[in-house]
Amino acid sequence: MLLHVGEAEPGGHLLLGVAPGRVNLLQQLPEGASDELVTAALLHDLGHLLHDLGEDIADRGVDSRHERVGANQLERWFGPEVVEPIRMHADSKRYLCWKEAGYFGDLSAASKQSLALQGGPML
């Protein structure tokens, strides 16, 4: 299952999503989702709170690599079942933009901006 951040409001990534849906995470998780997947989904954007680069980092053309920042911190307490989906969620968005027609068009402006900084859709 690919983990991707959904959009809540302009400039923000407040709702969590699991591909292919981009709505409230807890409604999108499959019945019987593992505790590890739920944990990863809830913590996947922790890196935004941990980096010291400021809130307007994307506007300055810088990728915070928040997925790695968060995963690196969380691996102290969680195993790979939690940490790896967090580490890979930006790449998941890149993959889905390449693979699924219409996925890119559904992204918010903020998510499109971060996608460009993260390398754009995979080819």
N, C-alpha and C. Protein backbone atom coordinates (compact mmCIF):
# COMPACT_ATOMS: atom_id res chain seq x y z
N MET A 1 0.85 -1.18 0.00
CA MET A 1 0.00 0.00 0.00
C MET A 1 0.88 1.23 0.00
N LEU A 2 0.55 2.19 -0.82
CA LEU A 2 1.33 3.42 -0.93
C LEU A 2 0.73 4.49 -0.04
N LEU A 3 1.58 5.14 0.71
CA LEU A 3 1.14 6.19 1.62
C LEU A 3 1.44 7.54 0.99
N HIS A 4 0.44 8.40 0.98
CA HIS A 4 0.62 9.75 0.44
C HIS A 4 -0.15 10.74 1.29
N VAL A 5 0.39 11.92 1.42
CA VAL A 5 -0.26 12.98 2.17
C VAL A 5 -1.37 13.59 1.34
N GLY A 6 -2.55 13.70 1.88
CA GLY A 6 -3.66 14.35 1.21
C GLY A 6 -3.67 15.83 1.50
N GLU A 7 -4.55 16.53 0.84
CA GLU A 7 -4.60 17.98 0.99
C GLU A 7 -5.80 18.40 1.83
N ALA A 8 -5.60 19.39 2.67
CA ALA A 8 -6.69 19.89 3.50
C ALA A 8 -7.00 21.34 3.20
N GLU A 9 -5.98 22.16 3.05
CA GLU A 9 -6.20 23.58 2.82
C GLU A 9 -5.00 24.12 2.06
N PRO A 10 -5.16 25.25 1.38
CA PRO A 10 -4.05 25.80 0.60
C PRO A 10 -2.79 25.96 1.45
N GLY A 11 -1.70 25.48 0.91
CA GLY A 11 -0.42 25.61 1.61
C GLY A 11 -0.19 24.58 2.67
N GLY A 12 -1.15 23.71 2.92
CA GLY A 12 -0.98 22.77 4.01
C GLY A 12 -1.19 21.34 3.59
N HIS A 13 -0.73 20.45 4.41
CA HIS A 13 -0.91 19.02 4.23
C HIS A 13 -1.46 18.48 5.53
N LEU A 14 -2.70 18.78 5.82
CA LEU A 14 -3.24 18.44 7.13
C LEU A 14 -3.96 17.11 7.16
N LEU A 15 -4.58 16.72 6.06
CA LEU A 15 -5.24 15.43 6.05
C LEU A 15 -4.28 14.38 5.53
N LEU A 16 -4.43 13.18 6.01
CA LEU A 16 -3.58 12.09 5.58
C LEU A 16 -4.36 11.25 4.60
N GLY A 17 -3.67 10.69 3.64
CA GLY A 17 -4.36 9.87 2.66
C GLY A 17 -3.58 8.62 2.33
N VAL A 18 -4.28 7.62 1.87
CA VAL A 18 -3.67 6.40 1.39
C VAL A 18 -4.12 6.23 -0.05
N ALA A 19 -3.18 6.02 -0.96
CA ALA A 19 -3.52 5.89 -2.36
C ALA A 19 -4.49 4.72 -2.53
N PRO A 20 -5.47 4.81 -3.42
CA PRO A 20 -5.68 5.88 -4.37
C PRO A 20 -6.49 7.05 -3.85
N GLY A 21 -7.08 6.97 -2.69
CA GLY A 21 -7.89 8.07 -2.17
C GLY A 21 -7.04 9.15 -1.53
N ARG A 22 -7.57 10.36 -1.50
CA ARG A 22 -6.86 11.46 -0.86
C ARG A 22 -7.82 12.18 0.08
N VAL A 23 -8.46 11.38 0.92
CA VAL A 23 -9.36 11.94 1.93
C VAL A 23 -8.91 11.44 3.29
N ASN A 24 -9.72 11.68 4.28
CA ASN A 24 -9.34 11.33 5.64
C ASN A 24 -8.79 9.91 5.74
N LEU A 25 -7.62 9.81 6.30
CA LEU A 25 -6.89 8.55 6.37
C LEU A 25 -7.68 7.44 7.03
N LEU A 26 -8.25 7.70 8.16
CA LEU A 26 -8.90 6.63 8.89
C LEU A 26 -10.10 6.08 8.14
N GLN A 27 -10.68 6.86 7.26
CA GLN A 27 -11.75 6.36 6.41
C GLN A 27 -11.20 5.59 5.21
N GLN A 28 -9.96 5.84 4.85
CA GLN A 28 -9.37 5.23 3.66
C GLN A 28 -8.60 3.94 3.95
N LEU A 29 -8.17 3.76 5.17
CA LEU A 29 -7.42 2.55 5.47
C LEU A 29 -8.31 1.33 5.27
N PRO A 30 -7.76 0.28 4.70
CA PRO A 30 -8.58 -0.92 4.49
C PRO A 30 -8.97 -1.55 5.83
N GLU A 31 -10.11 -2.19 5.83
CA GLU A 31 -10.54 -2.92 7.02
C GLU A 31 -9.43 -3.89 7.43
N GLY A 32 -9.10 -3.89 8.68
CA GLY A 32 -8.07 -4.79 9.17
C GLY A 32 -6.65 -4.30 8.92
N ALA A 33 -6.48 -3.03 8.58
CA ALA A 33 -5.13 -2.49 8.37
C ALA A 33 -4.30 -2.75 9.62
N SER A 34 -3.06 -3.07 9.42
CA SER A 34 -2.19 -3.38 10.55
C SER A 34 -1.99 -2.16 11.43
N ASP A 35 -1.70 -2.42 12.68
CA ASP A 35 -1.38 -1.34 13.61
C ASP A 35 -0.18 -0.54 13.09
N GLU A 36 0.75 -1.22 12.45
CA GLU A 36 1.94 -0.55 11.92
C GLU A 36 1.58 0.43 10.81
N LEU A 37 0.68 0.04 9.91
CA LEU A 37 0.27 0.93 8.83
C LEU A 37 -0.48 2.14 9.39
N VAL A 38 -1.35 1.91 10.34
CA VAL A 38 -2.07 3.02 10.96
C VAL A 38 -1.09 3.98 11.63
N THR A 39 -0.12 3.42 12.35
CA THR A 39 0.89 4.25 13.02
C THR A 39 1.70 5.05 12.01
N ALA A 40 2.13 4.39 10.93
CA ALA A 40 2.90 5.09 9.89
C ALA A 40 2.08 6.22 9.29
N ALA A 41 0.83 5.95 9.01
CA ALA A 41 -0.01 6.98 8.40
C ALA A 41 -0.18 8.18 9.32
N LEU A 42 -0.35 7.92 10.60
CA LEU A 42 -0.54 9.02 11.54
C LEU A 42 0.72 9.83 11.78
N LEU A 43 1.89 9.20 11.63
CA LEU A 43 3.15 9.88 11.93
C LEU A 43 3.93 10.31 10.70
N HIS A 44 3.42 10.06 9.50
CA HIS A 44 4.24 10.22 8.29
C HIS A 44 4.74 11.64 8.05
N ASP A 45 4.10 12.65 8.56
CA ASP A 45 4.55 14.02 8.33
C ASP A 45 5.27 14.62 9.53
N LEU A 46 5.67 13.80 10.48
CA LEU A 46 6.36 14.29 11.66
C LEU A 46 7.60 15.10 11.30
N GLY A 47 8.28 14.73 10.23
CA GLY A 47 9.48 15.45 9.81
C GLY A 47 9.26 16.92 9.57
N HIS A 48 8.04 17.31 9.19
CA HIS A 48 7.74 18.74 9.01
C HIS A 48 7.87 19.49 10.33
N LEU A 49 7.60 18.81 11.42
CA LEU A 49 7.69 19.44 12.74
C LEU A 49 9.10 19.40 13.30
N LEU A 50 9.93 18.51 12.78
CA LEU A 50 11.26 18.31 13.35
C LEU A 50 12.37 19.09 12.65
N HIS A 51 12.23 19.33 11.35
CA HIS A 51 13.32 20.05 10.67
C HIS A 51 13.34 21.50 11.14
N ASP A 52 14.48 22.12 11.01
CA ASP A 52 14.65 23.49 11.50
C ASP A 52 14.81 24.49 10.35
N LEU A 53 14.13 24.22 9.25
CA LEU A 53 14.29 25.02 8.04
C LEU A 53 13.22 26.08 7.85
N GLY A 54 12.26 26.14 8.74
CA GLY A 54 11.19 27.13 8.64
C GLY A 54 9.97 26.60 7.94
N GLU A 55 8.87 27.32 8.07
CA GLU A 55 7.60 26.87 7.50
C GLU A 55 7.47 27.16 6.01
N ASP A 56 8.18 28.13 5.51
CA ASP A 56 8.04 28.53 4.10
C ASP A 56 9.13 27.93 3.23
N ILE A 57 9.64 26.80 3.63
CA ILE A 57 10.80 26.20 2.96
C ILE A 57 10.54 25.93 1.47
N ALA A 58 9.37 25.40 1.13
CA ALA A 58 9.09 25.11 -0.28
C ALA A 58 9.03 26.39 -1.10
N ASP A 59 8.54 27.45 -0.51
CA ASP A 59 8.50 28.74 -1.21
C ASP A 59 9.90 29.25 -1.51
N ARG A 60 10.88 28.77 -0.77
CA ARG A 60 12.27 29.15 -1.00
C ARG A 60 12.98 28.16 -1.92
N GLY A 61 12.23 27.19 -2.45
CA GLY A 61 12.79 26.24 -3.39
C GLY A 61 13.64 25.15 -2.77
N VAL A 62 13.36 24.83 -1.51
CA VAL A 62 14.15 23.83 -0.79
C VAL A 62 13.25 22.67 -0.40
N ASP A 63 13.72 21.46 -0.65
CA ASP A 63 13.03 20.25 -0.20
C ASP A 63 13.55 19.90 1.19
N SER A 64 12.69 19.87 2.17
CA SER A 64 13.10 19.60 3.56
C SER A 64 13.47 18.14 3.79
N ARG A 65 13.11 17.27 2.85
CA ARG A 65 13.31 15.84 3.02
C ARG A 65 12.66 15.36 4.33
N HIS A 66 11.49 15.92 4.59
CA HIS A 66 10.79 15.64 5.85
C HIS A 66 10.52 14.17 6.05
N GLU A 67 10.33 13.43 4.95
CA GLU A 67 10.06 12.00 5.07
C GLU A 67 11.26 11.28 5.69
N ARG A 68 12.46 11.69 5.32
CA ARG A 68 13.67 11.07 5.89
C ARG A 68 13.93 11.55 7.31
N VAL A 69 13.70 12.84 7.54
CA VAL A 69 13.90 13.40 8.88
C VAL A 69 13.01 12.65 9.88
N GLY A 70 11.74 12.52 9.54
CA GLY A 70 10.81 11.82 10.42
C GLY A 70 11.15 10.36 10.60
N ALA A 71 11.43 9.68 9.49
CA ALA A 71 11.76 8.25 9.58
C ALA A 71 13.01 8.02 10.41
N ASN A 72 14.02 8.85 10.21
CA ASN A 72 15.26 8.67 10.97
C ASN A 72 15.04 8.83 12.46
N GLN A 73 14.18 9.74 12.86
CA GLN A 73 13.88 9.90 14.28
C GLN A 73 13.05 8.75 14.82
N LEU A 74 12.08 8.31 14.04
CA LEU A 74 11.15 7.29 14.51
C LEU A 74 11.74 5.90 14.57
N GLU A 75 12.83 5.65 13.83
CA GLU A 75 13.40 4.30 13.85
C GLU A 75 14.00 3.95 15.21
N ARG A 76 14.13 4.92 16.09
CA ARG A 76 14.55 4.62 17.46
C ARG A 76 13.50 3.81 18.20
N TRP A 77 12.23 4.04 17.85
CA TRP A 77 11.13 3.44 18.60
C TRP A 77 10.31 2.44 17.81
N PHE A 78 10.39 2.49 16.49
CA PHE A 78 9.55 1.64 15.65
C PHE A 78 10.39 0.84 14.67
N GLY A 79 9.84 -0.29 14.26
CA GLY A 79 10.50 -1.15 13.29
C GLY A 79 10.23 -0.70 11.86
N PRO A 80 10.77 -1.46 10.90
CA PRO A 80 10.64 -1.09 9.49
C PRO A 80 9.20 -1.07 8.98
N GLU A 81 8.30 -1.81 9.61
CA GLU A 81 6.91 -1.82 9.17
C GLU A 81 6.26 -0.44 9.33
N VAL A 82 6.75 0.34 10.28
CA VAL A 82 6.27 1.71 10.48
C VAL A 82 7.16 2.70 9.76
N VAL A 83 8.46 2.53 9.89
CA VAL A 83 9.42 3.53 9.42
C VAL A 83 9.51 3.59 7.89
N GLU A 84 9.51 2.46 7.22
CA GLU A 84 9.73 2.48 5.77
C GLU A 84 8.58 3.13 4.99
N PRO A 85 7.31 2.91 5.33
CA PRO A 85 6.27 3.67 4.63
C PRO A 85 6.42 5.18 4.82
N ILE A 86 6.89 5.60 5.99
CA ILE A 86 7.12 7.02 6.23
C ILE A 86 8.26 7.51 5.35
N ARG A 87 9.35 6.76 5.33
CA ARG A 87 10.51 7.14 4.54
C ARG A 87 10.18 7.21 3.04
N MET A 88 9.24 6.40 2.60
CA MET A 88 8.95 6.28 1.17
C MET A 88 7.73 7.08 0.70
N HIS A 89 7.04 7.82 1.59
CA HIS A 89 5.78 8.40 1.15
C HIS A 89 5.93 9.50 0.11
N ALA A 90 7.01 10.24 0.09
CA ALA A 90 7.21 11.24 -0.98
C ALA A 90 7.45 10.53 -2.31
N ASP A 91 8.22 9.46 -2.30
CA ASP A 91 8.42 8.68 -3.52
C ASP A 91 7.12 8.03 -3.98
N SER A 92 6.26 7.67 -3.03
CA SER A 92 4.96 7.11 -3.39
C SER A 92 4.15 8.13 -4.19
N LYS A 93 4.17 9.38 -3.76
CA LYS A 93 3.46 10.43 -4.50
C LYS A 93 4.06 10.58 -5.89
N ARG A 94 5.37 10.56 -6.00
CA ARG A 94 6.03 10.68 -7.30
C ARG A 94 5.62 9.53 -8.22
N TYR A 95 5.58 8.32 -7.67
CA TYR A 95 5.20 7.14 -8.44
C TYR A 95 3.74 7.25 -8.91
N LEU A 96 2.86 7.61 -7.98
CA LEU A 96 1.44 7.68 -8.33
C LEU A 96 1.16 8.77 -9.37
N CYS A 97 1.91 9.84 -9.34
CA CYS A 97 1.75 10.89 -10.36
C CYS A 97 2.16 10.38 -11.73
N TRP A 98 3.10 9.47 -11.78
CA TRP A 98 3.52 8.86 -13.04
C TRP A 98 2.55 7.77 -13.48
N LYS A 99 2.12 6.95 -12.54
CA LYS A 99 1.38 5.73 -12.86
C LYS A 99 -0.12 5.94 -13.07
N GLU A 100 -0.74 6.80 -12.27
CA GLU A 100 -2.20 6.92 -12.29
C GLU A 100 -2.64 8.20 -12.98
N ALA A 101 -3.37 8.03 -14.07
CA ALA A 101 -3.90 9.19 -14.79
C ALA A 101 -4.78 10.01 -13.86
N GLY A 102 -4.59 11.30 -13.87
CA GLY A 102 -5.40 12.19 -13.07
C GLY A 102 -4.90 12.44 -11.66
N TYR A 103 -3.94 11.66 -11.21
CA TYR A 103 -3.46 11.82 -9.83
C TYR A 103 -2.83 13.20 -9.64
N PHE A 104 -1.96 13.58 -10.57
CA PHE A 104 -1.30 14.88 -10.47
C PHE A 104 -2.32 16.01 -10.44
N GLY A 105 -3.32 15.93 -11.29
CA GLY A 105 -4.34 16.97 -11.36
C GLY A 105 -5.13 17.14 -10.08
N ASP A 106 -5.19 16.10 -9.27
CA ASP A 106 -5.93 16.16 -8.01
C ASP A 106 -5.12 16.76 -6.87
N LEU A 107 -3.83 16.96 -7.07
CA LEU A 107 -2.98 17.49 -6.00
C LEU A 107 -3.24 18.98 -5.80
N SER A 108 -3.06 19.42 -4.57
CA SER A 108 -3.15 20.86 -4.28
C SER A 108 -1.93 21.56 -4.86
N ALA A 109 -1.99 22.87 -4.91
CA ALA A 109 -0.84 23.65 -5.38
C ALA A 109 0.38 23.39 -4.51
N ALA A 110 0.19 23.29 -3.20
CA ALA A 110 1.31 23.03 -2.29
C ALA A 110 1.93 21.67 -2.55
N SER A 111 1.09 20.67 -2.80
CA SER A 111 1.61 19.33 -3.06
C SER A 111 2.33 19.27 -4.41
N LYS A 112 1.83 20.01 -5.40
CA LYS A 112 2.52 20.08 -6.70
C LYS A 112 3.87 20.77 -6.55
N GLN A 113 3.91 21.80 -5.72
CA GLN A 113 5.17 22.50 -5.47
C GLN A 113 6.18 21.57 -4.81
N SER A 114 5.74 20.84 -3.79
CA SER A 114 6.67 19.93 -3.12
C SER A 114 7.06 18.78 -4.04
N LEU A 115 6.13 18.33 -4.89
CA LEU A 115 6.45 17.29 -5.86
C LEU A 115 7.60 17.71 -6.76
N ALA A 116 7.56 18.94 -7.25
CA ALA A 116 8.64 19.44 -8.11
C ALA A 116 9.97 19.43 -7.36
N LEU A 117 9.95 19.82 -6.11
CA LEU A 117 11.18 19.84 -5.31
C LEU A 117 11.67 18.44 -4.99
N GLN A 118 10.76 17.48 -4.97
CA GLN A 118 11.12 16.09 -4.66
C GLN A 118 11.55 15.32 -5.90
N GLY A 119 11.60 15.99 -7.05
CA GLY A 119 12.07 15.34 -8.27
C GLY A 119 11.01 15.15 -9.33
N GLY A 120 9.77 15.55 -9.05
CA GLY A 120 8.70 15.41 -10.03
C GLY A 120 8.24 13.97 -10.16
N PRO A 121 7.27 13.73 -11.05
CA PRO A 121 6.78 12.37 -11.25
C PRO A 121 7.91 11.45 -11.70
N MET A 122 7.86 10.22 -11.24
CA MET A 122 8.86 9.24 -11.68
C MET A 122 8.65 8.96 -13.15
N LEU A 123 9.72 8.64 -13.81
CA LEU A 123 9.64 8.31 -15.24
C LEU A 123 9.99 6.87 -15.46
